[in-house]
Amino acid sequence: MTTATSDASSRTLLHPLLIAPGSALLIAAFATDLLYWRTVSPQWETFSIWLLTGGLIIAGLAGLALLLDVRLGRVRMVDRWRFAAVTAAALLSLLNAFIHSRDGYTAVVPQGLWLSAIVTALLLVTGWRGWSLADARPLSLLPFQEVRS
């Protein structure tokens, strides 16, 4: 019984545990950008840049965790589309952090707000089925080869 428990825990993927909270921070940055746009209170712009920074740090850690999952054999294949969407969201958030580093109203409106909206849409669509980037399909060597389970 102990063997099954330790075997199951060794198969736990690390990267989804970090992608979810990082995504939550980046989505929350969109909410604070909206609040800044409506109130023009500088506290919301400050909250936004802190949320972006935290989300980017966690995104970097999630990338390292994905590499570790692949290296340890926990992930055989990575879903290319989900990986591309999450990577695009991280890169757009990095650009958004640079935009938020400007002074005044133009630090958020309109470019920062649009980037936050795009990142939020990417993350919500990607995270709809969970945060794992592992491809659940069986490995097939030929494009039309029938895969038997």
N, C-alpha and C. Protein backbone atom coordinates (compact mmCIF):
# COMPACT_ATOMS: atom_id res chain seq x y z
N MET A 1 0.83 -1.19 0.00
CA MET A 1 0.00 0.00 0.00
C MET A 1 0.87 1.26 0.00
N THR A 2 1.97 1.22 0.70
CA THR A 2 2.86 2.39 0.73
C THR A 2 3.49 2.62 -0.64
N THR A 3 3.74 1.55 -1.37
CA THR A 3 4.35 1.68 -2.68
C THR A 3 3.42 2.41 -3.64
N ALA A 4 2.13 2.09 -3.59
CA ALA A 4 1.17 2.75 -4.48
C ALA A 4 1.08 4.23 -4.16
N THR A 5 1.11 4.58 -2.89
CA THR A 5 1.04 5.98 -2.50
C THR A 5 2.27 6.74 -2.97
N SER A 6 3.45 6.17 -2.76
CA SER A 6 4.66 6.87 -3.18
C SER A 6 4.76 6.93 -4.70
N ASP A 7 4.25 5.89 -5.40
CA ASP A 7 4.26 5.91 -6.86
C ASP A 7 3.31 6.98 -7.38
N ALA A 8 2.14 7.11 -6.76
CA ALA A 8 1.17 8.12 -7.19
C ALA A 8 1.71 9.52 -6.93
N SER A 9 2.38 9.73 -5.80
CA SER A 9 2.90 11.06 -5.51
C SER A 9 4.08 11.41 -6.41
N SER A 10 4.81 10.40 -6.89
CA SER A 10 5.93 10.69 -7.78
C SER A 10 5.43 11.08 -9.17
N ARG A 11 4.18 10.77 -9.49
CA ARG A 11 3.60 11.11 -10.79
C ARG A 11 2.89 12.47 -10.78
N THR A 12 2.82 13.14 -9.65
CA THR A 12 2.16 14.44 -9.57
C THR A 12 2.95 15.45 -10.40
N LEU A 13 2.24 16.12 -11.30
CA LEU A 13 2.89 17.12 -12.14
C LEU A 13 3.08 18.41 -11.34
N LEU A 14 4.25 19.02 -11.50
CA LEU A 14 4.55 20.23 -10.76
C LEU A 14 4.08 21.50 -11.47
N HIS A 15 4.17 21.52 -12.80
CA HIS A 15 3.90 22.78 -13.50
C HIS A 15 2.46 23.29 -13.37
N PRO A 16 1.42 22.43 -13.32
CA PRO A 16 0.07 22.99 -13.16
C PRO A 16 -0.13 23.67 -11.80
N LEU A 17 0.64 23.22 -10.80
CA LEU A 17 0.53 23.83 -9.48
C LEU A 17 1.04 25.26 -9.47
N LEU A 18 1.87 25.61 -10.45
CA LEU A 18 2.39 26.98 -10.54
C LEU A 18 1.70 27.80 -11.62
N ILE A 19 1.23 27.16 -12.68
CA ILE A 19 0.57 27.90 -13.76
C ILE A 19 -0.74 28.53 -13.25
N ALA A 20 -1.48 27.81 -12.44
CA ALA A 20 -2.78 28.33 -11.97
C ALA A 20 -2.64 29.61 -11.13
N PRO A 21 -1.79 29.65 -10.09
CA PRO A 21 -1.70 30.91 -9.33
C PRO A 21 -1.06 32.05 -10.14
N GLY A 22 -0.11 31.73 -11.02
CA GLY A 22 0.47 32.76 -11.87
C GLY A 22 -0.58 33.36 -12.79
N SER A 23 -1.43 32.51 -13.33
CA SER A 23 -2.52 32.98 -14.19
C SER A 23 -3.50 33.83 -13.41
N ALA A 24 -3.78 33.45 -12.18
CA ALA A 24 -4.70 34.23 -11.35
C ALA A 24 -4.16 35.64 -11.12
N LEU A 25 -2.86 35.76 -10.92
CA LEU A 25 -2.27 37.09 -10.73
C LEU A 25 -2.35 37.92 -12.00
N LEU A 26 -2.10 37.30 -13.15
CA LEU A 26 -2.15 38.04 -14.41
C LEU A 26 -3.58 38.44 -14.77
N ILE A 27 -4.55 37.60 -14.43
CA ILE A 27 -5.96 37.95 -14.66
C ILE A 27 -6.39 39.06 -13.69
N ALA A 28 -5.90 39.01 -12.46
CA ALA A 28 -6.22 40.07 -11.49
C ALA A 28 -5.64 41.41 -11.93
N ALA A 29 -4.52 41.37 -12.67
CA ALA A 29 -3.95 42.62 -13.20
C ALA A 29 -4.92 43.28 -14.17
N PHE A 30 -5.65 42.49 -14.93
CA PHE A 30 -6.67 43.06 -15.81
C PHE A 30 -7.75 43.75 -15.00
N ALA A 31 -8.17 43.15 -13.90
CA ALA A 31 -9.20 43.76 -13.05
C ALA A 31 -8.70 45.09 -12.47
N THR A 32 -7.45 45.14 -12.03
CA THR A 32 -6.93 46.40 -11.47
C THR A 32 -6.71 47.44 -12.57
N ASP A 33 -6.39 46.99 -13.79
CA ASP A 33 -6.31 47.94 -14.90
C ASP A 33 -7.67 48.56 -15.19
N LEU A 34 -8.71 47.74 -15.16
CA LEU A 34 -10.06 48.27 -15.35
C LEU A 34 -10.43 49.27 -14.25
N LEU A 35 -10.06 48.95 -13.02
CA LEU A 35 -10.36 49.87 -11.92
C LEU A 35 -9.58 51.17 -12.08
N TYR A 36 -8.34 51.09 -12.52
CA TYR A 36 -7.55 52.31 -12.75
C TYR A 36 -8.19 53.15 -13.86
N TRP A 37 -8.62 52.50 -14.92
CA TRP A 37 -9.23 53.21 -16.04
C TRP A 37 -10.47 53.96 -15.59
N ARG A 38 -11.27 53.34 -14.70
CA ARG A 38 -12.52 53.96 -14.26
C ARG A 38 -12.32 55.00 -13.16
N THR A 39 -11.29 54.83 -12.29
CA THR A 39 -11.14 55.72 -11.14
C THR A 39 -9.94 56.66 -11.25
N VAL A 40 -8.94 56.33 -12.05
CA VAL A 40 -7.69 57.07 -12.20
C VAL A 40 -6.98 57.24 -10.84
N SER A 41 -7.18 56.29 -9.97
CA SER A 41 -6.48 56.29 -8.69
C SER A 41 -5.15 55.57 -8.86
N PRO A 42 -4.03 56.21 -8.50
CA PRO A 42 -2.72 55.61 -8.76
C PRO A 42 -2.47 54.30 -8.02
N GLN A 43 -3.22 54.04 -6.96
CA GLN A 43 -3.02 52.77 -6.25
C GLN A 43 -3.31 51.58 -7.14
N TRP A 44 -4.28 51.68 -8.06
CA TRP A 44 -4.63 50.56 -8.93
C TRP A 44 -3.52 50.30 -9.94
N GLU A 45 -2.86 51.35 -10.40
CA GLU A 45 -1.73 51.15 -11.31
C GLU A 45 -0.58 50.45 -10.58
N THR A 46 -0.36 50.82 -9.33
CA THR A 46 0.67 50.17 -8.52
C THR A 46 0.32 48.71 -8.28
N PHE A 47 -0.94 48.44 -7.97
CA PHE A 47 -1.37 47.05 -7.80
C PHE A 47 -1.14 46.25 -9.08
N SER A 48 -1.44 46.87 -10.22
CA SER A 48 -1.29 46.17 -11.50
C SER A 48 0.15 45.75 -11.74
N ILE A 49 1.09 46.65 -11.53
CA ILE A 49 2.48 46.29 -11.82
C ILE A 49 2.98 45.23 -10.84
N TRP A 50 2.52 45.28 -9.60
CA TRP A 50 2.91 44.23 -8.65
C TRP A 50 2.31 42.88 -9.03
N LEU A 51 1.06 42.88 -9.47
CA LEU A 51 0.43 41.63 -9.91
C LEU A 51 1.11 41.08 -11.15
N LEU A 52 1.46 41.95 -12.10
CA LEU A 52 2.19 41.50 -13.29
C LEU A 52 3.54 40.92 -12.91
N THR A 53 4.26 41.59 -12.03
CA THR A 53 5.58 41.11 -11.61
C THR A 53 5.47 39.75 -10.92
N GLY A 54 4.53 39.62 -10.01
CA GLY A 54 4.33 38.34 -9.33
C GLY A 54 3.94 37.23 -10.30
N GLY A 55 3.04 37.55 -11.23
CA GLY A 55 2.62 36.56 -12.22
C GLY A 55 3.77 36.13 -13.11
N LEU A 56 4.65 37.06 -13.48
CA LEU A 56 5.79 36.72 -14.33
C LEU A 56 6.83 35.88 -13.58
N ILE A 57 7.04 36.18 -12.31
CA ILE A 57 7.97 35.37 -11.52
C ILE A 57 7.45 33.94 -11.41
N ILE A 58 6.17 33.79 -11.13
CA ILE A 58 5.59 32.45 -11.03
C ILE A 58 5.58 31.76 -12.39
N ALA A 59 5.39 32.52 -13.48
CA ALA A 59 5.43 31.93 -14.82
C ALA A 59 6.82 31.37 -15.11
N GLY A 60 7.85 32.07 -14.70
CA GLY A 60 9.22 31.56 -14.86
C GLY A 60 9.43 30.28 -14.07
N LEU A 61 8.93 30.25 -12.84
CA LEU A 61 9.05 29.04 -12.02
C LEU A 61 8.25 27.89 -12.63
N ALA A 62 7.09 28.20 -13.22
CA ALA A 62 6.28 27.17 -13.88
C ALA A 62 7.01 26.59 -15.08
N GLY A 63 7.72 27.45 -15.81
CA GLY A 63 8.53 26.96 -16.94
C GLY A 63 9.61 26.01 -16.48
N LEU A 64 10.28 26.35 -15.38
CA LEU A 64 11.29 25.45 -14.82
C LEU A 64 10.66 24.15 -14.33
N ALA A 65 9.48 24.24 -13.75
CA ALA A 65 8.78 23.04 -13.28
C ALA A 65 8.39 22.15 -14.46
N LEU A 66 7.98 22.76 -15.58
CA LEU A 66 7.65 21.97 -16.77
C LEU A 66 8.89 21.24 -17.29
N LEU A 67 10.02 21.94 -17.31
CA LEU A 67 11.28 21.28 -17.72
C LEU A 67 11.61 20.11 -16.80
N LEU A 68 11.39 20.29 -15.50
CA LEU A 68 11.64 19.22 -14.54
C LEU A 68 10.68 18.06 -14.76
N ASP A 69 9.41 18.35 -15.02
CA ASP A 69 8.43 17.29 -15.30
C ASP A 69 8.82 16.49 -16.53
N VAL A 70 9.29 17.18 -17.57
CA VAL A 70 9.72 16.49 -18.79
C VAL A 70 10.97 15.66 -18.51
N ARG A 71 11.91 16.24 -17.79
CA ARG A 71 13.18 15.55 -17.49
C ARG A 71 12.96 14.29 -16.64
N LEU A 72 12.02 14.36 -15.71
CA LEU A 72 11.74 13.21 -14.84
C LEU A 72 10.80 12.19 -15.49
N GLY A 73 10.35 12.47 -16.70
CA GLY A 73 9.49 11.54 -17.42
C GLY A 73 8.04 11.57 -17.01
N ARG A 74 7.63 12.59 -16.28
CA ARG A 74 6.23 12.70 -15.88
C ARG A 74 5.36 13.17 -17.04
N VAL A 75 5.97 13.89 -17.97
CA VAL A 75 5.28 14.39 -19.16
C VAL A 75 6.01 13.84 -20.37
N ARG A 76 5.28 13.07 -21.21
CA ARG A 76 5.89 12.52 -22.42
C ARG A 76 5.82 13.49 -23.57
N MET A 77 4.69 14.16 -23.69
CA MET A 77 4.49 15.13 -24.77
C MET A 77 3.86 16.39 -24.20
N VAL A 78 4.19 17.51 -24.80
CA VAL A 78 3.61 18.79 -24.40
C VAL A 78 2.61 19.22 -25.47
N ASP A 79 1.43 19.61 -25.04
CA ASP A 79 0.41 20.10 -25.96
C ASP A 79 0.90 21.43 -26.55
N ARG A 80 1.17 21.42 -27.83
CA ARG A 80 1.80 22.58 -28.48
C ARG A 80 0.94 23.83 -28.41
N TRP A 81 -0.36 23.69 -28.62
CA TRP A 81 -1.23 24.86 -28.65
C TRP A 81 -1.38 25.48 -27.28
N ARG A 82 -1.53 24.66 -26.27
CA ARG A 82 -1.66 25.19 -24.91
C ARG A 82 -0.34 25.81 -24.46
N PHE A 83 0.77 25.16 -24.81
CA PHE A 83 2.09 25.71 -24.47
C PHE A 83 2.29 27.06 -25.17
N ALA A 84 1.91 27.14 -26.45
CA ALA A 84 2.05 28.39 -27.20
C ALA A 84 1.19 29.49 -26.60
N ALA A 85 -0.03 29.16 -26.18
CA ALA A 85 -0.92 30.16 -25.60
C ALA A 85 -0.39 30.68 -24.27
N VAL A 86 0.10 29.77 -23.42
CA VAL A 86 0.62 30.18 -22.12
C VAL A 86 1.92 30.99 -22.30
N THR A 87 2.75 30.57 -23.25
CA THR A 87 3.99 31.31 -23.52
C THR A 87 3.68 32.70 -24.07
N ALA A 88 2.72 32.78 -24.99
CA ALA A 88 2.31 34.08 -25.53
C ALA A 88 1.77 34.99 -24.43
N ALA A 89 1.00 34.42 -23.51
CA ALA A 89 0.46 35.21 -22.40
C ALA A 89 1.60 35.74 -21.52
N ALA A 90 2.60 34.92 -21.27
CA ALA A 90 3.74 35.37 -20.46
C ALA A 90 4.53 36.46 -21.16
N LEU A 91 4.77 36.30 -22.46
CA LEU A 91 5.53 37.31 -23.20
C LEU A 91 4.76 38.62 -23.32
N LEU A 92 3.45 38.53 -23.56
CA LEU A 92 2.63 39.74 -23.60
C LEU A 92 2.58 40.42 -22.23
N SER A 93 2.60 39.62 -21.17
CA SER A 93 2.61 40.19 -19.82
C SER A 93 3.94 40.89 -19.53
N LEU A 94 5.02 40.35 -20.06
CA LEU A 94 6.32 41.02 -19.90
C LEU A 94 6.30 42.37 -20.61
N LEU A 95 5.78 42.40 -21.83
CA LEU A 95 5.63 43.66 -22.55
C LEU A 95 4.72 44.61 -21.77
N ASN A 96 3.65 44.07 -21.20
CA ASN A 96 2.71 44.87 -20.42
C ASN A 96 3.40 45.46 -19.18
N ALA A 97 4.29 44.71 -18.56
CA ALA A 97 5.02 45.23 -17.40
C ALA A 97 5.89 46.41 -17.80
N PHE A 98 6.51 46.34 -18.98
CA PHE A 98 7.30 47.47 -19.45
C PHE A 98 6.42 48.68 -19.72
N ILE A 99 5.24 48.45 -20.27
CA ILE A 99 4.31 49.55 -20.53
C ILE A 99 3.84 50.15 -19.20
N HIS A 100 3.58 49.31 -18.22
CA HIS A 100 3.13 49.81 -16.91
C HIS A 100 4.22 50.57 -16.17
N SER A 101 5.46 50.44 -16.59
CA SER A 101 6.55 51.14 -15.90
C SER A 101 6.61 52.63 -16.27
N ARG A 102 5.81 53.05 -17.26
CA ARG A 102 5.76 54.48 -17.60
C ARG A 102 4.98 55.24 -16.54
N ASP A 103 5.06 56.55 -16.61
CA ASP A 103 4.36 57.40 -15.64
C ASP A 103 3.00 57.83 -16.17
N GLY A 104 2.09 58.04 -15.25
CA GLY A 104 0.81 58.65 -15.57
C GLY A 104 -0.21 57.73 -16.20
N TYR A 105 -1.20 58.35 -16.74
CA TYR A 105 -2.37 57.66 -17.29
C TYR A 105 -1.99 56.72 -18.44
N THR A 106 -0.99 57.11 -19.24
CA THR A 106 -0.60 56.28 -20.39
C THR A 106 0.13 55.01 -19.98
N ALA A 107 0.43 54.86 -18.69
CA ALA A 107 1.05 53.61 -18.23
C ALA A 107 0.07 52.45 -18.29
N VAL A 108 -1.21 52.76 -18.30
CA VAL A 108 -2.22 51.71 -18.32
C VAL A 108 -3.14 51.84 -19.53
N VAL A 109 -3.60 53.05 -19.80
CA VAL A 109 -4.61 53.25 -20.83
C VAL A 109 -3.95 53.82 -22.08
N PRO A 110 -4.18 53.32 -23.25
CA PRO A 110 -4.99 52.17 -23.62
C PRO A 110 -4.19 50.88 -23.80
N GLN A 111 -2.84 50.98 -24.07
CA GLN A 111 -2.08 49.77 -24.41
C GLN A 111 -2.06 48.73 -23.29
N GLY A 112 -1.82 49.16 -22.07
CA GLY A 112 -1.77 48.22 -20.95
C GLY A 112 -3.09 47.51 -20.72
N LEU A 113 -4.16 48.25 -20.88
CA LEU A 113 -5.50 47.67 -20.70
C LEU A 113 -5.78 46.62 -21.78
N TRP A 114 -5.42 46.93 -23.03
CA TRP A 114 -5.63 45.98 -24.12
C TRP A 114 -4.77 44.73 -23.95
N LEU A 115 -3.51 44.92 -23.56
CA LEU A 115 -2.64 43.75 -23.35
C LEU A 115 -3.17 42.88 -22.22
N SER A 116 -3.62 43.50 -21.14
CA SER A 116 -4.19 42.73 -20.03
C SER A 116 -5.43 41.97 -20.47
N ALA A 117 -6.25 42.58 -21.31
CA ALA A 117 -7.46 41.91 -21.80
C ALA A 117 -7.10 40.71 -22.68
N ILE A 118 -6.11 40.87 -23.54
CA ILE A 118 -5.68 39.76 -24.41
C ILE A 118 -5.11 38.63 -23.58
N VAL A 119 -4.27 38.95 -22.60
CA VAL A 119 -3.68 37.92 -21.73
C VAL A 119 -4.77 37.20 -20.95
N THR A 120 -5.74 37.95 -20.44
CA THR A 120 -6.85 37.32 -19.71
C THR A 120 -7.62 36.36 -20.60
N ALA A 121 -7.92 36.78 -21.81
CA ALA A 121 -8.65 35.89 -22.74
C ALA A 121 -7.84 34.64 -23.05
N LEU A 122 -6.55 34.79 -23.32
CA LEU A 122 -5.70 33.63 -23.59
C LEU A 122 -5.68 32.65 -22.42
N LEU A 123 -5.54 33.19 -21.21
CA LEU A 123 -5.44 32.32 -20.03
C LEU A 123 -6.78 31.66 -19.69
N LEU A 124 -7.87 32.37 -19.87
CA LEU A 124 -9.18 31.77 -19.59
C LEU A 124 -9.50 30.66 -20.59
N VAL A 125 -9.19 30.87 -21.85
CA VAL A 125 -9.44 29.84 -22.86
C VAL A 125 -8.52 28.64 -22.62
N THR A 126 -7.26 28.90 -22.32
CA THR A 126 -6.31 27.81 -22.10
C THR A 126 -6.62 27.04 -20.82
N GLY A 127 -6.98 27.76 -19.77
CA GLY A 127 -7.22 27.12 -18.48
C GLY A 127 -8.58 26.48 -18.33
N TRP A 128 -9.42 26.60 -19.34
CA TRP A 128 -10.78 26.06 -19.26
C TRP A 128 -10.78 24.57 -18.96
N ARG A 129 -9.82 23.82 -19.53
CA ARG A 129 -9.76 22.36 -19.32
C ARG A 129 -8.69 21.96 -18.30
N GLY A 130 -8.20 22.88 -17.54
CA GLY A 130 -7.16 22.58 -16.56
C GLY A 130 -5.86 23.25 -16.95
N TRP A 131 -4.89 23.21 -16.05
CA TRP A 131 -3.65 23.95 -16.25
C TRP A 131 -2.49 23.09 -16.70
N SER A 132 -2.69 21.81 -16.89
CA SER A 132 -1.59 20.95 -17.31
C SER A 132 -1.29 21.16 -18.79
N LEU A 133 -0.02 21.21 -19.13
CA LEU A 133 0.40 21.34 -20.52
C LEU A 133 0.74 20.00 -21.13
N ALA A 134 0.56 18.92 -20.36
CA ALA A 134 0.85 17.58 -20.87
C ALA A 134 -0.20 17.18 -21.90
N ASP A 135 0.25 16.59 -22.97
CA ASP A 135 -0.65 16.11 -24.02
C ASP A 135 -1.13 14.72 -23.63
N ALA A 136 -2.43 14.53 -23.49
CA ALA A 136 -2.99 13.26 -23.01
C ALA A 136 -3.08 12.22 -24.11
N ARG A 137 -2.92 12.62 -25.37
CA ARG A 137 -3.04 11.66 -26.46
C ARG A 137 -1.86 10.69 -26.46
N PRO A 138 -2.09 9.45 -26.84
CA PRO A 138 -0.99 8.50 -26.92
C PRO A 138 -0.01 8.89 -28.03
N LEU A 139 1.22 8.53 -27.85
CA LEU A 139 2.27 8.84 -28.81
C LEU A 139 2.09 8.02 -30.07
N SER A 140 2.05 8.67 -31.22
CA SER A 140 1.93 7.99 -32.51
C SER A 140 3.11 8.41 -33.38
N LEU A 141 3.78 7.45 -34.00
CA LEU A 141 4.94 7.75 -34.82
C LEU A 141 4.57 8.15 -36.23
N LEU A 142 3.50 7.61 -36.75
CA LEU A 142 3.06 7.93 -38.09
C LEU A 142 1.79 8.78 -38.02
N PRO A 143 1.60 9.70 -38.98
CA PRO A 143 0.44 10.59 -38.89
C PRO A 143 -0.90 9.88 -38.90
N PHE A 144 -1.03 8.79 -39.65
CA PHE A 144 -2.33 8.12 -39.76
C PHE A 144 -2.32 6.73 -39.12
N GLN A 145 -1.36 6.47 -38.29
CA GLN A 145 -1.26 5.15 -37.63
C GLN A 145 -2.35 5.06 -36.56
N GLU A 146 -3.03 3.93 -36.54
CA GLU A 146 -4.06 3.71 -35.53
C GLU A 146 -3.39 3.40 -34.20
N VAL A 147 -3.83 4.08 -33.17
CA VAL A 147 -3.26 3.88 -31.84
C VAL A 147 -4.20 2.98 -31.06
N ARG A 148 -3.68 1.88 -30.57
CA ARG A 148 -4.50 0.94 -29.79
C ARG A 148 -4.18 1.10 -28.31
N SER A 149 -5.21 1.11 -27.52
CA SER A 149 -5.01 1.27 -26.07
C SER A 149 -4.92 -0.07 -25.39
